[in-house]
Amino acid sequence: MAGFFSLLRRLYLTAYNFTLLVGWFQVLYIVLRTLKESGHENIYRAAEKPLLFAQTAAVLEILHGLVGLVRSPVTATLPQIGSRLFLVWGILWSFPETRTHVLVTSLLISWSITEASFFIIRYFFFGLKEAFGYTPSWLLWLRYSTFLVLYPTGISSEVGLIYIALPFIKASEKYCLRMPNKWNFSFDYFYAAIVVLGIYVPGSSPHLYSYMLAQRKKALSKSKKE
């Protein structure tokens, strides 16, 4: 029975990861094609559907960690997925004025290359390990080094887009709840976005980057010893 569930787990995770791989490849292809043909102003409109699908489906990564399907700690996964969902739905989807900014281009290129290369390198990495019992040192280095450039560009684009959206959030009063109301509660999305921005830089960025650096150091050190 344990073997059956192990097989089921592998099949599910393979299907899930392959689906996201296709989704992010589609985003990257659309972004590069649109950038060449019509400029950065049209990138979001062209890539919106696969972007929303691929990033929203990543919510399952949190569930996978909670139920033990993967070993990734939820404390590392939750901030990354949560911040990206906020960008995709809470900023880009909610405020069309931000969609034509050049930072959308750097954001989607960073995200799509990061995600697509992660899945490709990971499966190539584990495929060689399963088949031959080892992996080339260059592939190991590549698996744990692509984030060094792509993560900072992605984070800076995310922070920039939140900041750019602030005037539009304030002017529209979208998602705001004013007093009086039956719940006797008020909510201002503008100030909530400022709080998110304030937490974003000192909280999400150093925490996740430090975690990935620690993982990189651990993996590369282990490889040298072997």
C-alpha atoms as a PDB file:
ATOM      1  CA  MET A   1       0.000   0.000   0.000  1.00  0.00           C
ATOM      2  CA  ALA A   2       2.860   2.379   0.850  1.00  0.00           C
ATOM      3  CA  GLY A   3       4.388   1.692  -2.568  1.00  0.00           C
ATOM      4  CA  PHE A   4       1.105   2.514  -4.284  1.00  0.00           C
ATOM      5  CA  PHE A   5       0.792   5.866  -2.500  1.00  0.00           C
ATOM      6  CA  SER A   6       4.430   6.642  -3.284  1.00  0.00           C
ATOM      7  CA  LEU A   7       3.777   5.991  -6.975  1.00  0.00           C
ATOM      8  CA  LEU A   8       0.596   8.075  -6.844  1.00  0.00           C
ATOM      9  CA  ARG A   9       2.513  10.919  -5.216  1.00  0.00           C
ATOM     10  CA  ARG A  10       5.198  10.797  -7.932  1.00  0.00           C
ATOM     11  CA  LEU A  11       2.651  10.765 -10.731  1.00  0.00           C
ATOM     12  CA  TYR A  12       0.716  13.662  -9.247  1.00  0.00           C
ATOM     13  CA  LEU A  13       3.790  15.820  -8.627  1.00  0.00           C
ATOM     14  CA  THR A  14       5.134  15.048 -12.106  1.00  0.00           C
ATOM     15  CA  ALA A  15       1.826  16.063 -13.720  1.00  0.00           C
ATOM     16  CA  TYR A  16       1.579  19.182 -11.555  1.00  0.00           C
ATOM     17  CA  ASN A  17       5.149  20.307 -12.231  1.00  0.00           C
ATOM     18  CA  PHE A  18       4.901  19.556 -15.948  1.00  0.00           C
ATOM     19  CA  THR A  19       1.707  21.627 -16.165  1.00  0.00           C
ATOM     20  CA  LEU A  20       3.401  24.589 -14.495  1.00  0.00           C
ATOM     21  CA  LEU A  21       6.458  24.148 -16.701  1.00  0.00           C
ATOM     22  CA  VAL A  22       4.291  24.414 -19.819  1.00  0.00           C
ATOM     23  CA  GLY A  23       2.480  27.405 -18.339  1.00  0.00           C
ATOM     24  CA  TRP A  24       5.667  29.339 -17.568  1.00  0.00           C
ATOM     25  CA  PHE A  25       7.200  28.447 -20.932  1.00  0.00           C
ATOM     26  CA  GLN A  26       4.099  29.872 -22.554  1.00  0.00           C
ATOM     27  CA  VAL A  27       4.426  33.069 -20.512  1.00  0.00           C
ATOM     28  CA  LEU A  28       8.102  33.429 -21.487  1.00  0.00           C
ATOM     29  CA  TYR A  29       7.417  32.782 -25.171  1.00  0.00           C
ATOM     30  CA  ILE A  30       4.548  35.286 -25.270  1.00  0.00           C
ATOM     31  CA  VAL A  31       6.568  37.927 -23.434  1.00  0.00           C
ATOM     32  CA  LEU A  32       9.570  37.642 -25.769  1.00  0.00           C
ATOM     33  CA  ARG A  33       7.420  37.518 -28.902  1.00  0.00           C
ATOM     34  CA  THR A  34       5.314  40.502 -27.843  1.00  0.00           C
ATOM     35  CA  LEU A  35       8.381  42.476 -26.798  1.00  0.00           C
ATOM     36  CA  LYS A  36       9.841  41.969 -30.265  1.00  0.00           C
ATOM     37  CA  GLU A  37       6.638  42.597 -32.233  1.00  0.00           C
ATOM     38  CA  SER A  38       4.806  45.367 -30.377  1.00  0.00           C
ATOM     39  CA  GLY A  39       6.779  46.558 -27.362  1.00  0.00           C
ATOM     40  CA  HIS A  40       6.539  46.220 -23.600  1.00  0.00           C
ATOM     41  CA  GLU A  41       3.238  48.112 -23.360  1.00  0.00           C
ATOM     42  CA  ASN A  42       1.322  45.083 -24.679  1.00  0.00           C
ATOM     43  CA  ILE A  43       3.064  42.334 -22.729  1.00  0.00           C
ATOM     44  CA  TYR A  44       0.617  41.961 -19.859  1.00  0.00           C
ATOM     45  CA  ARG A  45      -2.416  41.867 -22.134  1.00  0.00           C
ATOM     46  CA  ALA A  46      -0.824  39.150 -24.259  1.00  0.00           C
ATOM     47  CA  ALA A  47       0.400  37.002 -21.364  1.00  0.00           C
ATOM     48  CA  GLU A  48      -2.418  37.577 -18.871  1.00  0.00           C
ATOM     49  CA  LYS A  49      -4.255  34.224 -19.113  1.00  0.00           C
ATOM     50  CA  PRO A  50      -1.260  31.859 -18.831  1.00  0.00           C
ATOM     51  CA  LEU A  51       0.245  34.132 -16.164  1.00  0.00           C
ATOM     52  CA  LEU A  52      -2.871  34.060 -13.989  1.00  0.00           C
ATOM     53  CA  PHE A  53      -3.171  30.296 -14.423  1.00  0.00           C
ATOM     54  CA  ALA A  54       0.457  29.428 -13.699  1.00  0.00           C
ATOM     55  CA  GLN A  55       0.840  31.729 -10.721  1.00  0.00           C
ATOM     56  CA  THR A  56      -2.518  30.888  -9.139  1.00  0.00           C
ATOM     57  CA  ALA A  57      -1.844  27.150  -9.515  1.00  0.00           C
ATOM     58  CA  ALA A  58       1.297  27.689  -7.440  1.00  0.00           C
ATOM     59  CA  VAL A  59      -0.976  27.985  -4.373  1.00  0.00           C
ATOM     60  CA  LEU A  60      -0.883  24.188  -4.329  1.00  0.00           C
ATOM     61  CA  GLU A  61       2.828  24.432  -3.447  1.00  0.00           C
ATOM     62  CA  ILE A  62       1.773  25.644   0.000  1.00  0.00           C
ATOM     63  CA  LEU A  63      -0.635  22.730   0.369  1.00  0.00           C
ATOM     64  CA  HIS A  64       2.048  20.283  -0.744  1.00  0.00           C
ATOM     65  CA  GLY A  65       4.323  21.503   2.039  1.00  0.00           C
ATOM     66  CA  LEU A  66       1.571  21.390   4.650  1.00  0.00           C
ATOM     67  CA  VAL A  67       0.602  17.767   3.929  1.00  0.00           C
ATOM     68  CA  GLY A  68       4.181  16.591   3.457  1.00  0.00           C
ATOM     69  CA  LEU A  69       4.165  15.888  -0.293  1.00  0.00           C
ATOM     70  CA  VAL A  70       7.349  17.927  -0.634  1.00  0.00           C
ATOM     71  CA  ARG A  71      10.115  18.820   1.803  1.00  0.00           C
ATOM     72  CA  SER A  72      10.073  22.555   1.105  1.00  0.00           C
ATOM     73  CA  PRO A  73       9.283  24.442   4.335  1.00  0.00           C
ATOM     74  CA  VAL A  74       6.010  26.367   4.305  1.00  0.00           C
ATOM     75  CA  THR A  75       7.792  29.310   5.964  1.00  0.00           C
ATOM     76  CA  ALA A  76       9.814  29.761   2.766  1.00  0.00           C
ATOM     77  CA  THR A  77       7.047  28.912   0.285  1.00  0.00           C
ATOM     78  CA  LEU A  78       4.228  31.001   1.796  1.00  0.00           C
ATOM     79  CA  PRO A  79       5.893  34.453   1.544  1.00  0.00           C
ATOM     80  CA  GLN A  80       6.992  33.841  -2.044  1.00  0.00           C
ATOM     81  CA  ILE A  81       3.638  32.552  -3.294  1.00  0.00           C
ATOM     82  CA  GLY A  82       1.683  35.114  -1.261  1.00  0.00           C
ATOM     83  CA  SER A  83       3.687  38.060  -2.550  1.00  0.00           C
ATOM     84  CA  ARG A  84       3.370  36.904  -6.149  1.00  0.00           C
ATOM     85  CA  LEU A  85      -0.383  36.440  -5.835  1.00  0.00           C
ATOM     86  CA  PHE A  86      -0.645  39.942  -4.422  1.00  0.00           C
ATOM     87  CA  LEU A  87       1.277  41.273  -7.442  1.00  0.00           C
ATOM     88  CA  VAL A  88      -0.718  39.313  -9.996  1.00  0.00           C
ATOM     89  CA  TRP A  89      -4.230  39.766  -8.606  1.00  0.00           C
ATOM     90  CA  GLY A  90      -3.939  42.681  -6.186  1.00  0.00           C
ATOM     91  CA  ILE A  91      -1.888  44.964  -8.433  1.00  0.00           C
ATOM     92  CA  LEU A  92      -1.729  43.996 -12.127  1.00  0.00           C
ATOM     93  CA  TRP A  93      -5.194  42.490 -12.481  1.00  0.00           C
ATOM     94  CA  SER A  94      -6.867  45.070 -10.234  1.00  0.00           C
ATOM     95  CA  PHE A  95      -5.199  48.214 -11.581  1.00  0.00           C
ATOM     96  CA  PRO A  96      -4.841  48.259 -15.386  1.00  0.00           C
ATOM     97  CA  GLU A  97      -2.819  51.485 -15.228  1.00  0.00           C
ATOM     98  CA  THR A  98       0.213  49.486 -14.087  1.00  0.00           C
ATOM     99  CA  ARG A  99       0.136  46.938 -16.912  1.00  0.00           C
ATOM    100  CA  THR A 100       2.018  48.946 -19.531  1.00  0.00           C
ATOM    101  CA  HIS A 101       5.002  49.789 -17.337  1.00  0.00           C
ATOM    102  CA  VAL A 102       8.387  48.428 -18.390  1.00  0.00           C
ATOM    103  CA  LEU A 103       8.751  46.729 -14.971  1.00  0.00           C
ATOM    104  CA  VAL A 104       6.071  44.254 -16.046  1.00  0.00           C
ATOM    105  CA  THR A 105       8.525  43.026 -18.664  1.00  0.00           C
ATOM    106  CA  SER A 106      11.388  42.504 -16.218  1.00  0.00           C
ATOM    107  CA  LEU A 107       8.971  40.927 -13.738  1.00  0.00           C
ATOM    108  CA  LEU A 108       7.536  38.345 -16.130  1.00  0.00           C
ATOM    109  CA  ILE A 109      10.890  37.504 -17.705  1.00  0.00           C
ATOM    110  CA  SER A 110      12.443  36.975 -14.266  1.00  0.00           C
ATOM    111  CA  TRP A 111       9.519  34.878 -13.027  1.00  0.00           C
ATOM    112  CA  SER A 112       9.151  32.744 -16.146  1.00  0.00           C
ATOM    113  CA  ILE A 113      12.871  32.004 -16.569  1.00  0.00           C
ATOM    114  CA  THR A 114      13.183  31.238 -12.858  1.00  0.00           C
ATOM    115  CA  GLU A 115      10.242  28.845 -12.843  1.00  0.00           C
ATOM    116  CA  ALA A 116      10.920  27.176 -16.203  1.00  0.00           C
ATOM    117  CA  SER A 117      14.631  26.674 -15.513  1.00  0.00           C
ATOM    118  CA  PHE A 118      13.832  25.414 -12.014  1.00  0.00           C
ATOM    119  CA  PHE A 119      11.613  22.622 -13.334  1.00  0.00           C
ATOM    120  CA  ILE A 120      13.911  21.708 -16.241  1.00  0.00           C
ATOM    121  CA  ILE A 121      17.103  21.678 -14.194  1.00  0.00           C
ATOM    122  CA  ARG A 122      15.433  19.868 -11.300  1.00  0.00           C
ATOM    123  CA  TYR A 123      14.098  17.016 -13.438  1.00  0.00           C
ATOM    124  CA  PHE A 124      17.260  16.749 -15.529  1.00  0.00           C
ATOM    125  CA  PHE A 125      19.228  16.781 -12.271  1.00  0.00           C
ATOM    126  CA  PHE A 126      17.199  14.019 -10.623  1.00  0.00           C
ATOM    127  CA  GLY A 127      16.933  12.072 -13.882  1.00  0.00           C
ATOM    128  CA  LEU A 128      20.719  11.781 -14.171  1.00  0.00           C
ATOM    129  CA  LYS A 129      21.006  10.974 -10.493  1.00  0.00           C
ATOM    130  CA  GLU A 130      18.436   8.169 -10.756  1.00  0.00           C
ATOM    131  CA  ALA A 131      19.905   6.765 -13.978  1.00  0.00           C
ATOM    132  CA  PHE A 132      23.636   7.012 -13.295  1.00  0.00           C
ATOM    133  CA  GLY A 133      23.908   7.631  -9.563  1.00  0.00           C
ATOM    134  CA  TYR A 134      25.580  11.021  -9.940  1.00  0.00           C
ATOM    135  CA  THR A 135      25.117  14.447 -11.485  1.00  0.00           C
ATOM    136  CA  PRO A 136      27.680  16.697 -13.226  1.00  0.00           C
ATOM    137  CA  SER A 137      29.072  19.439 -10.997  1.00  0.00           C
ATOM    138  CA  TRP A 138      28.123  22.103 -13.551  1.00  0.00           C
ATOM    139  CA  LEU A 139      24.468  21.036 -13.422  1.00  0.00           C
ATOM    140  CA  LEU A 140      24.502  21.074  -9.643  1.00  0.00           C
ATOM    141  CA  TRP A 141      25.995  24.576  -9.735  1.00  0.00           C
ATOM    142  CA  LEU A 142      23.401  25.709 -12.285  1.00  0.00           C
ATOM    143  CA  ARG A 143      20.520  24.320 -10.229  1.00  0.00           C
ATOM    144  CA  TYR A 144      21.552  26.321  -7.178  1.00  0.00           C
ATOM    145  CA  SER A 145      22.834  29.491  -8.871  1.00  0.00           C
ATOM    146  CA  THR A 146      20.239  30.788 -11.373  1.00  0.00           C
ATOM    147  CA  PHE A 147      18.381  32.620  -8.602  1.00  0.00           C
ATOM    148  CA  LEU A 148      21.437  34.804  -7.825  1.00  0.00           C
ATOM    149  CA  VAL A 149      20.546  37.142 -10.711  1.00  0.00           C
ATOM    150  CA  LEU A 150      16.879  36.385 -11.389  1.00  0.00           C
ATOM    151  CA  TYR A 151      15.638  36.722  -7.816  1.00  0.00           C
ATOM    152  CA  PRO A 152      16.903  40.315  -7.289  1.00  0.00           C
ATOM    153  CA  THR A 153      15.496  41.463 -10.658  1.00  0.00           C
ATOM    154  CA  GLY A 154      12.146  39.855  -9.865  1.00  0.00           C
ATOM    155  CA  ILE A 155      11.956  41.334  -6.365  1.00  0.00           C
ATOM    156  CA  SER A 156      12.951  44.835  -7.511  1.00  0.00           C
ATOM    157  CA  SER A 157      10.268  44.682 -10.220  1.00  0.00           C
ATOM    158  CA  GLU A 158       7.650  43.558  -7.688  1.00  0.00           C
ATOM    159  CA  VAL A 159       8.505  46.359  -5.250  1.00  0.00           C
ATOM    160  CA  GLY A 160       8.561  48.899  -8.081  1.00  0.00           C
ATOM    161  CA  LEU A 161       5.138  47.903  -9.373  1.00  0.00           C
ATOM    162  CA  ILE A 162       3.553  48.092  -5.921  1.00  0.00           C
ATOM    163  CA  TYR A 163       4.986  51.594  -5.500  1.00  0.00           C
ATOM    164  CA  ILE A 164       3.787  52.654  -8.954  1.00  0.00           C
ATOM    165  CA  ALA A 165       0.297  51.344  -8.176  1.00  0.00           C
ATOM    166  CA  LEU A 166      -0.120  53.376  -4.968  1.00  0.00           C
ATOM    167  CA  PRO A 167      -1.545  56.563  -6.599  1.00  0.00           C
ATOM    168  CA  PHE A 168      -4.045  54.495  -8.591  1.00  0.00           C
ATOM    169  CA  ILE A 169      -5.052  52.528  -5.509  1.00  0.00           C
ATOM    170  CA  LYS A 170      -5.646  55.749  -3.574  1.00  0.00           C
ATOM    171  CA  ALA A 171      -7.597  57.445  -6.362  1.00  0.00           C
ATOM    172  CA  SER A 172      -9.855  54.463  -7.120  1.00  0.00           C
ATOM    173  CA  GLU A 173     -10.624  53.479  -3.491  1.00  0.00           C
ATOM    174  CA  LYS A 174     -11.035  49.942  -4.809  1.00  0.00           C
ATOM    175  CA  TYR A 175     -11.413  47.246  -2.135  1.00  0.00           C
ATOM    176  CA  CYS A 176     -11.968  49.892   0.531  1.00  0.00           C
ATOM    177  CA  LEU A 177     -14.645  49.547   3.199  1.00  0.00           C
ATOM    178  CA  ARG A 178     -15.901  52.788   4.711  1.00  0.00           C
ATOM    179  CA  MET A 179     -17.746  53.499   7.919  1.00  0.00           C
ATOM    180  CA  PRO A 180     -20.541  53.301   8.821  1.00  0.00           C
ATOM    181  CA  ASN A 181     -21.414  49.734   7.856  1.00  0.00           C
ATOM    182  CA  LYS A 182     -23.089  46.756   9.492  1.00  0.00           C
ATOM    183  CA  TRP A 183     -19.743  45.221  10.454  1.00  0.00           C
ATOM    184  CA  ASN A 184     -18.573  48.440  12.164  1.00  0.00           C
ATOM    185  CA  PHE A 185     -15.233  47.966  10.451  1.00  0.00           C
ATOM    186  CA  SER A 186     -13.219  49.991   7.948  1.00  0.00           C
ATOM    187  CA  PHE A 187     -10.493  48.938   5.560  1.00  0.00           C
ATOM    188  CA  ASP A 188      -8.318  51.014   3.252  1.00  0.00           C
ATOM    189  CA  TYR A 189      -6.507  49.090   0.515  1.00  0.00           C
ATOM    190  CA  PHE A 190      -4.099  51.984  -0.028  1.00  0.00           C
ATOM    191  CA  TYR A 191      -2.712  51.762   3.499  1.00  0.00           C
ATOM    192  CA  ALA A 192      -2.786  47.956   3.334  1.00  0.00           C
ATOM    193  CA  ALA A 193      -0.588  48.144   0.206  1.00  0.00           C
ATOM    194  CA  ILE A 194       1.821  50.465   2.027  1.00  0.00           C
ATOM    195  CA  VAL A 195       2.018  47.975   4.896  1.00  0.00           C
ATOM    196  CA  VAL A 196       2.681  45.158   2.407  1.00  0.00           C
ATOM    197  CA  LEU A 197       5.379  47.264   0.761  1.00  0.00           C
ATOM    198  CA  GLY A 198       6.902  47.992   4.157  1.00  0.00           C
ATOM    199  CA  ILE A 199       6.979  44.302   5.059  1.00  0.00           C
ATOM    200  CA  TYR A 200       8.013  43.204   1.586  1.00  0.00           C
ATOM    201  CA  VAL A 201      11.554  44.533   1.483  1.00  0.00           C
ATOM    202  CA  PRO A 202      12.809  43.675   4.993  1.00  0.00           C
ATOM    203  CA  GLY A 203      10.659  40.564   5.350  1.00  0.00           C
ATOM    204  CA  SER A 204      10.228  38.651   2.120  1.00  0.00           C
ATOM    205  CA  SER A 205      13.406  39.587   0.273  1.00  0.00           C
ATOM    206  CA  PRO A 206      16.187  38.910   2.831  1.00  0.00           C
ATOM    207  CA  HIS A 207      14.361  35.920   4.353  1.00  0.00           C
ATOM    208  CA  LEU A 208      13.876  34.050   1.083  1.00  0.00           C
ATOM    209  CA  TYR A 209      17.224  35.069  -0.384  1.00  0.00           C
ATOM    210  CA  SER A 210      19.047  34.000   2.788  1.00  0.00           C
ATOM    211  CA  TYR A 211      17.211  30.678   2.733  1.00  0.00           C
ATOM    212  CA  MET A 212      18.192  30.036  -0.891  1.00  0.00           C
ATOM    213  CA  LEU A 213      21.800  31.059  -0.230  1.00  0.00           C
ATOM    214  CA  ALA A 214      21.934  28.630   2.699  1.00  0.00           C
ATOM    215  CA  GLN A 215      20.512  25.839   0.516  1.00  0.00           C
ATOM    216  CA  ARG A 216      23.067  26.635  -2.182  1.00  0.00           C
ATOM    217  CA  LYS A 217      25.971  26.596   0.263  1.00  0.00           C
ATOM    218  CA  LYS A 218      24.796  23.316   1.773  1.00  0.00           C
ATOM    219  CA  ALA A 219      24.377  21.580  -1.591  1.00  0.00           C
ATOM    220  CA  LEU A 220      27.656  22.783  -3.099  1.00  0.00           C
ATOM    221  CA  SER A 221      29.613  21.985   0.082  1.00  0.00           C
ATOM    222  CA  LYS A 222      28.158  18.472   0.145  1.00  0.00           C
ATOM    223  CA  SER A 223      29.132  18.003  -3.505  1.00  0.00           C
ATOM    224  CA  LYS A 224      32.762  18.973  -2.826  1.00  0.00           C
ATOM    225  CA  LYS A 225      33.013  16.471   0.019  1.00  0.00           C
ATOM    226  CA  GLU A 226      31.688  13.691  -2.205  1.00  0.00           C
END
